[in-house]
Amino acid sequence: MRIISGKFKGRRFSPPPNFRARPTTDFAKENLFNILNNRIDWEDIVCLDLFGGTGSISFELISRGAPEVTCVEKDAVHYSFISKTKEALDITNLKTIKGDVFRFLETCDKKFDFIFADPPYDLRNFEDVPRLIIERGLIKEGGLFILEHSKDYDFSIYDIYTEKRTYGSVNFSFFDMAPVGE
């Protein structure tokens, strides 16, 4: 795992051999953040990273100046890796939650400016992720939600869906909570 830009640019961390996550490729992550850099002022946002995996997205957000990031990861090995990396980088503004994402979404009462979700592609209830985020109203007005998924999914049925970007086998669906009146 490599941090692409910001305060921790170039730092690399290797997950342990028993790591089962499929991390977002550097190619896809770099292209995604090139788009986001033109849309988001990192220093002013509250972020949520669901299905944290390696924590790569959380660390990229922190590195770019996000003042508050919450990362939710259920797997003990993954959670431990995120926690150790957080400690190695001496990060204090990353809240790590070891728990089930669906339980978190059902009980969360906070709104976020930026939400990123990268569920396992073979997750049985994959399609519930955007539905729950939207129904629970977790995206602030003007906020953005990005869902990473395989080519097998189409989320254009949602009113706030705006586009899909593809980088190799990685697909990102964008859900934009435009300010009222736009």
Foldseek 3Di string as FASTA:
>chain_A
DAQPDAPRHGDDDDQDPPQDDDDDDPQRVVVVVVVVVVQDDLQPWAEEEEQCRQVRVVVNSVRSHRQAYEYEHADPSNLVNNVVVCVVVVPDRYHYHHDDPVVCLVPDQAATQEYEYEDDQVDPPVVVVVVSCVVSVRHDAQHKYKYKYFPPDDDVVDPQWDDWDDDPRIIITMGGRYHPPD
